[in-house]
N, C-alpha and C. Protein backbone atom coordinates (compact mmCIF):
# COMPACT_ATOMS: atom_id res chain seq x y z
N MET A 1 -27.30 -15.00 -49.29
CA MET A 1 -26.95 -14.72 -47.92
C MET A 1 -26.15 -13.43 -47.90
N LEU A 2 -26.56 -12.52 -47.04
CA LEU A 2 -25.86 -11.25 -46.92
C LEU A 2 -24.61 -11.43 -46.09
N ALA A 3 -23.56 -10.72 -46.44
CA ALA A 3 -22.30 -10.81 -45.69
C ALA A 3 -22.50 -10.44 -44.24
N ALA A 4 -23.39 -9.51 -43.93
CA ALA A 4 -23.63 -9.07 -42.56
C ALA A 4 -24.28 -10.17 -41.72
N ASP A 5 -24.94 -11.12 -42.37
CA ASP A 5 -25.62 -12.20 -41.64
C ASP A 5 -24.71 -13.39 -41.35
N VAL A 6 -23.54 -13.42 -41.92
CA VAL A 6 -22.65 -14.57 -41.76
C VAL A 6 -22.00 -14.55 -40.38
N ARG A 7 -22.03 -15.71 -39.72
CA ARG A 7 -21.34 -15.90 -38.45
C ARG A 7 -20.31 -16.97 -38.67
N PRO A 8 -19.23 -17.03 -38.02
CA PRO A 8 -18.67 -16.03 -37.13
C PRO A 8 -18.19 -14.80 -37.91
N ARG A 9 -17.85 -13.76 -37.15
CA ARG A 9 -17.51 -12.48 -37.78
C ARG A 9 -16.35 -12.57 -38.77
N TRP A 10 -15.35 -13.39 -38.45
CA TRP A 10 -14.18 -13.48 -39.33
C TRP A 10 -14.56 -14.01 -40.71
N LEU A 11 -15.62 -14.83 -40.76
CA LEU A 11 -16.02 -15.41 -42.04
C LEU A 11 -16.64 -14.35 -42.96
N ARG A 12 -17.21 -13.30 -42.36
CA ARG A 12 -17.79 -12.21 -43.16
C ARG A 12 -16.75 -11.50 -43.99
N LYS A 13 -15.53 -11.47 -43.49
CA LYS A 13 -14.45 -10.74 -44.17
C LYS A 13 -13.87 -11.52 -45.34
N ILE A 14 -14.22 -12.76 -45.45
CA ILE A 14 -13.69 -13.61 -46.51
C ILE A 14 -14.62 -13.53 -47.73
N PRO A 15 -14.07 -13.34 -48.90
CA PRO A 15 -14.92 -13.29 -50.11
C PRO A 15 -15.75 -14.58 -50.23
N PRO A 16 -17.00 -14.47 -50.70
CA PRO A 16 -17.87 -15.64 -50.82
C PRO A 16 -17.21 -16.82 -51.55
N SER A 17 -16.38 -16.54 -52.54
CA SER A 17 -15.74 -17.61 -53.30
C SER A 17 -14.78 -18.44 -52.45
N LEU A 18 -14.31 -17.89 -51.33
CA LEU A 18 -13.36 -18.61 -50.46
C LEU A 18 -14.01 -19.14 -49.18
N ARG A 19 -15.30 -18.86 -48.97
CA ARG A 19 -15.96 -19.27 -47.72
C ARG A 19 -16.02 -20.78 -47.56
N THR A 20 -16.28 -21.50 -48.64
CA THR A 20 -16.35 -22.96 -48.51
C THR A 20 -15.00 -23.52 -48.06
N PHE A 21 -13.94 -22.96 -48.63
CA PHE A 21 -12.60 -23.38 -48.24
C PHE A 21 -12.34 -23.06 -46.76
N ALA A 22 -12.77 -21.88 -46.32
CA ALA A 22 -12.57 -21.45 -44.93
C ALA A 22 -13.35 -22.35 -43.96
N VAL A 23 -14.58 -22.69 -44.32
CA VAL A 23 -15.39 -23.57 -43.45
C VAL A 23 -14.74 -24.96 -43.38
N LYS A 24 -14.31 -25.46 -44.51
CA LYS A 24 -13.62 -26.75 -44.57
C LYS A 24 -12.38 -26.73 -43.68
N LEU A 25 -11.59 -25.70 -43.83
CA LEU A 25 -10.37 -25.54 -43.05
C LEU A 25 -10.68 -25.44 -41.55
N GLY A 26 -11.71 -24.66 -41.22
CA GLY A 26 -12.11 -24.49 -39.83
C GLY A 26 -12.48 -25.79 -39.16
N PHE A 27 -13.23 -26.62 -39.86
CA PHE A 27 -13.58 -27.94 -39.30
C PHE A 27 -12.36 -28.85 -39.24
N ASN A 28 -11.64 -28.93 -40.34
CA ASN A 28 -10.53 -29.89 -40.43
C ASN A 28 -9.40 -29.61 -39.45
N PHE A 29 -9.23 -28.36 -39.05
CA PHE A 29 -8.16 -28.05 -38.11
C PHE A 29 -8.65 -27.73 -36.71
N HIS A 30 -9.94 -27.91 -36.48
CA HIS A 30 -10.47 -27.74 -35.13
C HIS A 30 -10.00 -28.93 -34.29
N PRO A 31 -9.47 -28.67 -33.10
CA PRO A 31 -8.91 -29.76 -32.28
C PRO A 31 -9.85 -30.94 -32.05
N ALA A 32 -11.16 -30.67 -31.86
CA ALA A 32 -12.10 -31.78 -31.61
C ALA A 32 -12.22 -32.70 -32.83
N PHE A 33 -12.26 -32.11 -34.02
CA PHE A 33 -12.38 -32.93 -35.23
C PHE A 33 -11.05 -33.60 -35.56
N LEU A 34 -9.96 -32.89 -35.34
CA LEU A 34 -8.64 -33.51 -35.54
C LEU A 34 -8.49 -34.72 -34.63
N GLY A 35 -8.85 -34.56 -33.37
CA GLY A 35 -8.72 -35.64 -32.39
C GLY A 35 -9.60 -36.83 -32.72
N ALA A 36 -10.78 -36.57 -33.25
CA ALA A 36 -11.72 -37.65 -33.58
C ALA A 36 -11.32 -38.35 -34.88
N GLY A 37 -10.50 -37.70 -35.68
CA GLY A 37 -10.05 -38.30 -36.94
C GLY A 37 -10.91 -37.96 -38.13
N GLY A 38 -11.94 -37.13 -37.94
CA GLY A 38 -12.84 -36.78 -39.04
C GLY A 38 -12.22 -35.77 -39.98
N HIS A 39 -12.78 -35.70 -41.18
CA HIS A 39 -12.27 -34.80 -42.20
C HIS A 39 -13.43 -34.33 -43.07
N VAL A 40 -13.59 -33.01 -43.20
CA VAL A 40 -14.61 -32.47 -44.11
C VAL A 40 -14.03 -32.57 -45.52
N ASP A 41 -14.74 -33.29 -46.39
CA ASP A 41 -14.23 -33.38 -47.77
C ASP A 41 -15.10 -32.63 -48.77
N TYR A 42 -16.23 -32.05 -48.29
CA TYR A 42 -17.06 -31.27 -49.21
C TYR A 42 -17.89 -30.25 -48.42
N VAL A 43 -17.92 -29.03 -48.93
CA VAL A 43 -18.81 -27.97 -48.45
C VAL A 43 -19.41 -27.32 -49.69
N SER A 44 -20.74 -27.25 -49.76
CA SER A 44 -21.38 -26.63 -50.92
C SER A 44 -21.14 -25.13 -50.91
N GLU A 45 -21.24 -24.55 -52.08
CA GLU A 45 -20.99 -23.12 -52.24
C GLU A 45 -21.91 -22.25 -51.38
N ASP A 46 -23.17 -22.69 -51.23
CA ASP A 46 -24.13 -21.92 -50.43
C ASP A 46 -24.12 -22.34 -48.95
N LEU A 47 -23.17 -23.16 -48.57
CA LEU A 47 -22.97 -23.63 -47.19
C LEU A 47 -24.17 -24.42 -46.65
N SER A 48 -24.95 -25.02 -47.54
CA SER A 48 -26.12 -25.79 -47.12
C SER A 48 -25.84 -27.29 -47.02
N GLN A 49 -24.66 -27.71 -47.47
CA GLN A 49 -24.30 -29.13 -47.42
C GLN A 49 -22.86 -29.28 -46.98
N ILE A 50 -22.65 -30.23 -46.07
CA ILE A 50 -21.30 -30.59 -45.64
C ILE A 50 -21.21 -32.11 -45.60
N ARG A 51 -20.10 -32.64 -46.10
CA ARG A 51 -19.88 -34.09 -46.03
C ARG A 51 -18.59 -34.35 -45.26
N MET A 52 -18.69 -35.21 -44.26
CA MET A 52 -17.54 -35.61 -43.45
C MET A 52 -17.14 -37.03 -43.81
N ARG A 53 -15.86 -37.27 -43.68
CA ARG A 53 -15.33 -38.63 -43.89
C ARG A 53 -14.59 -39.03 -42.62
N LEU A 54 -14.84 -40.24 -42.17
CA LEU A 54 -14.10 -40.79 -41.04
C LEU A 54 -13.33 -41.99 -41.57
N PRO A 55 -12.02 -41.81 -41.80
CA PRO A 55 -11.23 -42.92 -42.35
C PRO A 55 -10.93 -43.96 -41.27
N LEU A 56 -10.87 -45.20 -41.69
CA LEU A 56 -10.45 -46.27 -40.80
C LEU A 56 -8.93 -46.30 -40.83
N ASN A 57 -8.30 -45.89 -39.74
CA ASN A 57 -6.85 -45.91 -39.66
C ASN A 57 -6.43 -46.12 -38.20
N TRP A 58 -5.15 -46.10 -37.92
CA TRP A 58 -4.66 -46.40 -36.58
C TRP A 58 -5.19 -45.41 -35.54
N ARG A 59 -5.54 -44.18 -35.95
CA ARG A 59 -6.05 -43.19 -35.01
C ARG A 59 -7.53 -43.36 -34.70
N THR A 60 -8.27 -44.02 -35.59
CA THR A 60 -9.72 -44.12 -35.43
C THR A 60 -10.21 -45.53 -35.09
N LYS A 61 -9.28 -46.49 -35.03
CA LYS A 61 -9.66 -47.88 -34.73
C LYS A 61 -9.80 -48.10 -33.23
N ASN A 62 -10.75 -48.97 -32.88
CA ASN A 62 -10.85 -49.40 -31.49
C ASN A 62 -10.06 -50.71 -31.32
N MET A 63 -10.19 -51.33 -30.17
CA MET A 63 -9.36 -52.51 -29.88
C MET A 63 -9.71 -53.74 -30.73
N VAL A 64 -10.88 -53.75 -31.38
CA VAL A 64 -11.23 -54.89 -32.25
C VAL A 64 -11.02 -54.57 -33.73
N GLY A 65 -10.51 -53.36 -34.02
CA GLY A 65 -10.17 -53.02 -35.40
C GLY A 65 -11.25 -52.29 -36.18
N SER A 66 -12.40 -52.02 -35.55
CA SER A 66 -13.44 -51.26 -36.24
C SER A 66 -13.34 -49.79 -35.82
N LEU A 67 -14.11 -48.95 -36.46
CA LEU A 67 -14.09 -47.53 -36.12
C LEU A 67 -14.56 -47.32 -34.68
N PHE A 68 -13.83 -46.48 -33.96
CA PHE A 68 -14.15 -46.15 -32.57
C PHE A 68 -15.48 -45.41 -32.52
N GLY A 69 -16.40 -45.87 -31.67
CA GLY A 69 -17.73 -45.27 -31.56
C GLY A 69 -17.68 -43.80 -31.20
N GLY A 70 -16.73 -43.41 -30.36
CA GLY A 70 -16.59 -42.01 -29.98
C GLY A 70 -16.26 -41.13 -31.17
N SER A 71 -15.48 -41.65 -32.10
CA SER A 71 -15.15 -40.89 -33.32
C SER A 71 -16.38 -40.75 -34.22
N LEU A 72 -17.16 -41.83 -34.32
CA LEU A 72 -18.40 -41.77 -35.11
C LEU A 72 -19.32 -40.67 -34.57
N PHE A 73 -19.43 -40.64 -33.25
CA PHE A 73 -20.30 -39.66 -32.59
C PHE A 73 -19.71 -38.25 -32.74
N ALA A 74 -18.41 -38.12 -32.52
CA ALA A 74 -17.75 -36.81 -32.49
C ALA A 74 -17.79 -36.09 -33.83
N ILE A 75 -17.71 -36.80 -34.94
CA ILE A 75 -17.69 -36.09 -36.23
C ILE A 75 -19.04 -35.47 -36.58
N THR A 76 -20.09 -35.84 -35.83
CA THR A 76 -21.40 -35.23 -36.07
C THR A 76 -21.65 -34.06 -35.12
N ASP A 77 -20.75 -33.84 -34.18
CA ASP A 77 -20.95 -32.82 -33.15
C ASP A 77 -20.74 -31.40 -33.70
N GLY A 78 -21.76 -30.59 -33.54
CA GLY A 78 -21.64 -29.18 -33.89
C GLY A 78 -21.83 -28.82 -35.35
N VAL A 79 -21.98 -29.79 -36.21
CA VAL A 79 -22.07 -29.48 -37.65
C VAL A 79 -23.39 -28.77 -37.97
N HIS A 80 -24.51 -29.36 -37.54
CA HIS A 80 -25.80 -28.69 -37.79
C HIS A 80 -25.85 -27.33 -37.09
N MET A 81 -25.31 -27.27 -35.89
CA MET A 81 -25.28 -26.03 -35.15
C MET A 81 -24.50 -24.95 -35.94
N ALA A 82 -23.36 -25.33 -36.46
CA ALA A 82 -22.55 -24.39 -37.24
C ALA A 82 -23.26 -23.98 -38.53
N MET A 83 -23.86 -24.93 -39.21
CA MET A 83 -24.56 -24.62 -40.46
C MET A 83 -25.72 -23.66 -40.21
N LEU A 84 -26.50 -23.94 -39.16
CA LEU A 84 -27.62 -23.06 -38.82
C LEU A 84 -27.12 -21.67 -38.45
N SER A 85 -26.05 -21.63 -37.71
CA SER A 85 -25.47 -20.36 -37.30
C SER A 85 -25.02 -19.55 -38.52
N LEU A 86 -24.39 -20.22 -39.46
CA LEU A 86 -23.94 -19.55 -40.68
C LEU A 86 -25.11 -19.03 -41.50
N LYS A 87 -26.21 -19.78 -41.52
CA LYS A 87 -27.36 -19.42 -42.34
C LYS A 87 -28.30 -18.42 -41.68
N LEU A 88 -28.49 -18.54 -40.36
CA LEU A 88 -29.48 -17.71 -39.69
C LEU A 88 -28.97 -16.32 -39.30
N GLY A 89 -27.71 -16.23 -39.00
CA GLY A 89 -27.16 -14.92 -38.66
C GLY A 89 -27.04 -14.67 -37.17
N ARG A 90 -26.68 -13.45 -36.84
CA ARG A 90 -26.28 -13.09 -35.48
C ARG A 90 -27.43 -12.91 -34.50
N GLU A 91 -28.65 -12.79 -34.97
CA GLU A 91 -29.74 -12.55 -34.02
C GLU A 91 -30.33 -13.84 -33.44
N TYR A 92 -29.63 -14.95 -33.63
CA TYR A 92 -30.10 -16.24 -33.12
C TYR A 92 -29.09 -16.86 -32.17
N ILE A 93 -29.61 -17.59 -31.18
CA ILE A 93 -28.80 -18.42 -30.29
C ILE A 93 -29.03 -19.85 -30.76
N ILE A 94 -27.96 -20.60 -30.96
CA ILE A 94 -28.09 -21.97 -31.46
C ILE A 94 -27.17 -22.86 -30.64
N TRP A 95 -27.76 -23.92 -30.06
CA TRP A 95 -27.00 -24.86 -29.22
C TRP A 95 -27.38 -26.29 -29.54
N ASP A 96 -26.41 -27.19 -29.44
CA ASP A 96 -26.71 -28.61 -29.40
C ASP A 96 -27.27 -28.89 -28.02
N ARG A 97 -28.46 -29.45 -27.92
CA ARG A 97 -29.07 -29.75 -26.61
C ARG A 97 -28.81 -31.18 -26.17
N SER A 98 -28.97 -32.10 -27.09
CA SER A 98 -28.77 -33.51 -26.73
C SER A 98 -28.48 -34.30 -28.00
N ALA A 99 -27.98 -35.50 -27.78
CA ALA A 99 -27.68 -36.37 -28.92
C ALA A 99 -27.67 -37.81 -28.46
N LYS A 100 -27.95 -38.69 -29.39
CA LYS A 100 -27.83 -40.12 -29.12
C LYS A 100 -27.41 -40.82 -30.40
N ILE A 101 -26.74 -41.94 -30.21
CA ILE A 101 -26.26 -42.69 -31.37
C ILE A 101 -26.78 -44.13 -31.28
N ARG A 102 -27.12 -44.66 -32.43
CA ARG A 102 -27.54 -46.06 -32.51
C ARG A 102 -26.58 -46.76 -33.47
N PHE A 103 -25.81 -47.68 -32.93
CA PHE A 103 -24.86 -48.44 -33.74
C PHE A 103 -25.60 -49.61 -34.38
N LEU A 104 -25.50 -49.73 -35.69
CA LEU A 104 -26.18 -50.81 -36.41
C LEU A 104 -25.24 -51.97 -36.71
N LYS A 105 -23.99 -51.64 -37.04
CA LYS A 105 -22.99 -52.66 -37.28
C LYS A 105 -21.61 -52.03 -37.19
N PRO A 106 -20.58 -52.83 -36.91
CA PRO A 106 -19.24 -52.25 -36.78
C PRO A 106 -18.71 -51.76 -38.14
N GLY A 107 -17.98 -50.66 -38.08
CA GLY A 107 -17.42 -50.07 -39.29
C GLY A 107 -15.98 -50.51 -39.50
N PHE A 108 -15.79 -51.39 -40.45
CA PHE A 108 -14.44 -51.85 -40.81
C PHE A 108 -13.98 -51.20 -42.11
N CYS A 109 -14.50 -50.00 -42.38
CA CYS A 109 -14.15 -49.24 -43.59
C CYS A 109 -14.37 -47.76 -43.30
N ASP A 110 -13.96 -46.90 -44.23
CA ASP A 110 -14.21 -45.46 -44.10
C ASP A 110 -15.73 -45.23 -44.10
N LEU A 111 -16.18 -44.29 -43.27
CA LEU A 111 -17.60 -43.95 -43.24
C LEU A 111 -17.78 -42.46 -43.52
N TYR A 112 -18.96 -42.11 -44.00
CA TYR A 112 -19.28 -40.75 -44.41
C TYR A 112 -20.56 -40.28 -43.74
N ALA A 113 -20.60 -39.01 -43.41
CA ALA A 113 -21.79 -38.38 -42.84
C ALA A 113 -22.11 -37.15 -43.68
N GLU A 114 -23.37 -37.04 -44.11
CA GLU A 114 -23.79 -35.89 -44.89
C GLU A 114 -24.78 -35.06 -44.09
N PHE A 115 -24.55 -33.76 -44.12
CA PHE A 115 -25.39 -32.80 -43.40
C PHE A 115 -25.97 -31.84 -44.42
N THR A 116 -27.30 -31.67 -44.41
CA THR A 116 -27.94 -30.78 -45.36
C THR A 116 -28.99 -29.95 -44.63
N ILE A 117 -28.98 -28.66 -44.91
CA ILE A 117 -30.03 -27.77 -44.42
C ILE A 117 -30.46 -26.92 -45.60
N SER A 118 -31.69 -27.14 -46.06
CA SER A 118 -32.20 -26.48 -47.26
C SER A 118 -32.68 -25.06 -46.95
N LYS A 119 -32.89 -24.30 -48.02
CA LYS A 119 -33.44 -22.94 -47.89
C LYS A 119 -34.82 -22.98 -47.26
N ASP A 120 -35.62 -24.00 -47.64
CA ASP A 120 -36.96 -24.15 -47.06
C ASP A 120 -36.87 -24.40 -45.56
N GLU A 121 -35.90 -25.21 -45.14
CA GLU A 121 -35.69 -25.48 -43.72
C GLU A 121 -35.35 -24.19 -42.98
N ILE A 122 -34.47 -23.40 -43.54
CA ILE A 122 -34.08 -22.13 -42.93
C ILE A 122 -35.29 -21.21 -42.81
N SER A 123 -36.10 -21.12 -43.87
CA SER A 123 -37.32 -20.30 -43.83
C SER A 123 -38.28 -20.79 -42.76
N SER A 124 -38.44 -22.09 -42.67
CA SER A 124 -39.32 -22.69 -41.66
C SER A 124 -38.82 -22.39 -40.25
N VAL A 125 -37.52 -22.52 -40.03
CA VAL A 125 -36.93 -22.24 -38.71
C VAL A 125 -37.17 -20.78 -38.34
N ARG A 126 -36.90 -19.88 -39.28
CA ARG A 126 -37.11 -18.45 -39.02
C ARG A 126 -38.57 -18.18 -38.62
N ALA A 127 -39.50 -18.76 -39.38
CA ALA A 127 -40.93 -18.54 -39.11
C ALA A 127 -41.33 -19.10 -37.75
N GLU A 128 -40.86 -20.30 -37.42
CA GLU A 128 -41.19 -20.91 -36.12
C GLU A 128 -40.61 -20.10 -34.96
N VAL A 129 -39.40 -19.59 -35.13
CA VAL A 129 -38.78 -18.80 -34.07
C VAL A 129 -39.50 -17.47 -33.92
N VAL A 130 -39.93 -16.85 -35.02
CA VAL A 130 -40.70 -15.61 -34.94
C VAL A 130 -41.99 -15.86 -34.15
N GLN A 131 -42.63 -16.99 -34.42
CA GLN A 131 -43.90 -17.32 -33.77
C GLN A 131 -43.73 -17.69 -32.30
N ASN A 132 -42.67 -18.48 -31.97
CA ASN A 132 -42.54 -19.04 -30.63
C ASN A 132 -41.39 -18.49 -29.80
N GLY A 133 -40.50 -17.74 -30.41
CA GLY A 133 -39.34 -17.23 -29.68
C GLY A 133 -38.18 -18.20 -29.63
N GLU A 134 -38.51 -19.50 -29.52
CA GLU A 134 -37.50 -20.55 -29.47
C GLU A 134 -38.10 -21.86 -29.98
N ILE A 135 -37.25 -22.72 -30.49
CA ILE A 135 -37.70 -24.04 -30.95
C ILE A 135 -36.59 -25.06 -30.70
N LYS A 136 -36.98 -26.31 -30.79
CA LYS A 136 -36.02 -27.42 -30.77
C LYS A 136 -36.25 -28.22 -32.04
N LYS A 137 -35.16 -28.49 -32.76
CA LYS A 137 -35.24 -29.26 -34.01
C LYS A 137 -34.39 -30.51 -33.87
N ASN A 138 -34.89 -31.62 -34.39
CA ASN A 138 -34.12 -32.87 -34.41
C ASN A 138 -33.57 -33.10 -35.80
N TYR A 139 -32.32 -33.51 -35.82
CA TYR A 139 -31.65 -33.84 -37.09
C TYR A 139 -31.06 -35.24 -36.98
N LEU A 140 -31.29 -36.04 -38.00
CA LEU A 140 -30.72 -37.38 -38.08
C LEU A 140 -29.54 -37.37 -39.04
N VAL A 141 -28.48 -38.04 -38.63
CA VAL A 141 -27.31 -38.18 -39.49
C VAL A 141 -27.00 -39.66 -39.59
N GLU A 142 -26.93 -40.15 -40.81
CA GLU A 142 -26.57 -41.55 -41.03
C GLU A 142 -25.09 -41.62 -41.39
N LEU A 143 -24.39 -42.53 -40.76
CA LEU A 143 -22.99 -42.77 -41.10
C LEU A 143 -22.97 -43.98 -42.02
N LYS A 144 -22.52 -43.75 -43.27
CA LYS A 144 -22.62 -44.75 -44.34
C LYS A 144 -21.26 -45.04 -44.96
N ASP A 145 -21.17 -46.20 -45.60
CA ASP A 145 -19.98 -46.49 -46.40
C ASP A 145 -20.21 -45.94 -47.80
N LYS A 146 -19.23 -46.15 -48.68
CA LYS A 146 -19.33 -45.61 -50.05
C LYS A 146 -20.53 -46.12 -50.82
N SER A 147 -20.96 -47.35 -50.53
CA SER A 147 -22.08 -47.92 -51.27
C SER A 147 -23.44 -47.52 -50.68
N GLY A 148 -23.43 -46.79 -49.55
CA GLY A 148 -24.68 -46.32 -48.97
C GLY A 148 -25.22 -47.16 -47.83
N SER A 149 -24.50 -48.20 -47.44
CA SER A 149 -24.93 -49.04 -46.33
C SER A 149 -24.75 -48.27 -45.01
N VAL A 150 -25.79 -48.25 -44.17
CA VAL A 150 -25.79 -47.47 -42.93
C VAL A 150 -25.20 -48.29 -41.77
N TYR A 151 -24.24 -47.67 -41.06
CA TYR A 151 -23.56 -48.32 -39.94
C TYR A 151 -23.99 -47.76 -38.59
N ALA A 152 -24.38 -46.50 -38.56
CA ALA A 152 -24.82 -45.86 -37.32
C ALA A 152 -25.73 -44.69 -37.67
N ILE A 153 -26.63 -44.37 -36.74
CA ILE A 153 -27.52 -43.23 -36.91
C ILE A 153 -27.38 -42.36 -35.66
N VAL A 154 -27.11 -41.08 -35.89
CA VAL A 154 -26.99 -40.12 -34.79
C VAL A 154 -28.18 -39.17 -34.87
N GLU A 155 -28.83 -38.98 -33.73
CA GLU A 155 -29.92 -38.01 -33.65
C GLU A 155 -29.48 -36.88 -32.73
N ARG A 156 -29.57 -35.66 -33.24
CA ARG A 156 -29.17 -34.48 -32.46
C ARG A 156 -30.35 -33.53 -32.33
N GLU A 157 -30.53 -33.03 -31.11
CA GLU A 157 -31.56 -32.03 -30.86
C GLU A 157 -30.86 -30.67 -30.75
N ILE A 158 -31.32 -29.73 -31.56
CA ILE A 158 -30.72 -28.39 -31.62
C ILE A 158 -31.73 -27.38 -31.08
N TYR A 159 -31.26 -26.52 -30.21
CA TYR A 159 -32.06 -25.43 -29.66
C TYR A 159 -31.77 -24.17 -30.48
N ILE A 160 -32.83 -23.52 -30.94
CA ILE A 160 -32.69 -22.30 -31.74
C ILE A 160 -33.64 -21.26 -31.16
N ALA A 161 -33.09 -20.09 -30.85
CA ALA A 161 -33.92 -19.03 -30.26
C ALA A 161 -33.51 -17.67 -30.80
N ASN A 162 -34.47 -16.77 -30.77
CA ASN A 162 -34.18 -15.37 -31.03
C ASN A 162 -33.31 -14.89 -29.87
N LYS A 163 -32.23 -14.20 -30.18
CA LYS A 163 -31.27 -13.79 -29.15
C LYS A 163 -31.94 -12.94 -28.05
N GLU A 164 -32.80 -12.03 -28.45
CA GLU A 164 -33.48 -11.16 -27.47
C GLU A 164 -34.42 -11.98 -26.60
N PHE A 165 -35.17 -12.90 -27.21
CA PHE A 165 -36.07 -13.77 -26.46
C PHE A 165 -35.29 -14.58 -25.44
N HIS A 166 -34.18 -15.15 -25.89
CA HIS A 166 -33.34 -15.98 -25.01
C HIS A 166 -32.79 -15.16 -23.84
N LYS A 167 -32.34 -13.95 -24.13
CA LYS A 167 -31.80 -13.07 -23.09
C LYS A 167 -32.88 -12.75 -22.05
N ASN A 168 -34.08 -12.40 -22.51
CA ASN A 168 -35.18 -12.11 -21.61
C ASN A 168 -35.56 -13.32 -20.76
N LYS A 169 -35.54 -14.49 -21.38
CA LYS A 169 -35.86 -15.73 -20.67
C LYS A 169 -34.82 -15.99 -19.57
N GLN A 170 -33.55 -15.78 -19.88
CA GLN A 170 -32.49 -15.98 -18.89
C GLN A 170 -32.61 -14.97 -17.75
N ASN A 171 -32.91 -13.71 -18.08
CA ASN A 171 -33.08 -12.68 -17.05
C ASN A 171 -34.27 -13.01 -16.14
N LEU A 172 -35.33 -13.51 -16.73
CA LEU A 172 -36.51 -13.90 -15.94
C LEU A 172 -36.16 -15.06 -15.00
N LYS A 173 -35.39 -16.01 -15.49
CA LYS A 173 -34.94 -17.14 -14.67
C LYS A 173 -34.12 -16.65 -13.48
N LYS A 174 -33.20 -15.74 -13.76
CA LYS A 174 -32.35 -15.19 -12.68
C LYS A 174 -33.20 -14.45 -11.66
N ALA A 175 -34.15 -13.67 -12.14
CA ALA A 175 -35.01 -12.89 -11.24
C ALA A 175 -35.87 -13.79 -10.36
N THR A 176 -36.40 -14.87 -10.92
CA THR A 176 -37.25 -15.78 -10.13
C THR A 176 -36.42 -16.60 -9.15
N ASN A 177 -35.15 -16.83 -9.44
CA ASN A 177 -34.29 -17.56 -8.52
C ASN A 177 -33.87 -16.70 -7.34
N LEU A 178 -33.91 -15.38 -7.50
CA LEU A 178 -33.53 -14.47 -6.42
C LEU A 178 -34.65 -14.32 -5.39
N ILE A 179 -35.88 -14.61 -5.79
CA ILE A 179 -37.03 -14.42 -4.89
C ILE A 179 -37.14 -15.55 -3.90
């Protein structure tokens, strides 16, 4: 990954050896993740893998003592979007479009969510965006305990577009609304 392709801009200034630490810090001290109780405990060196932990504690428990569903949902918010943004670079627009969660059983223990975006996935996304200008990708995240038992599944739809294509599409929308 070229330093010029890294987003956000401040991350480009950080030596590659410290980027994983910076990404971890960015998530862990972001108000939304702090409020939800989530914690990034692993970021791969190439920024293609992130693992979140949601501990069961007084801040994350609901009234029956299991993990609060909102916290389960919140720790998955924006992670794929951020990873894609870091990997694809500045010429792309990337947004979370929609999400849904399916609760399988109550979490009375710490749960973990793993996010992975491979080099092949990045190549595929680039090729699809070149061909279509924009795409929507679905990502599934399983929230599991240490032994691998699944407690909830979150599905997120991510919008990815070439920045110029997106800008032209928005301008066309504005122009047609004026008529």
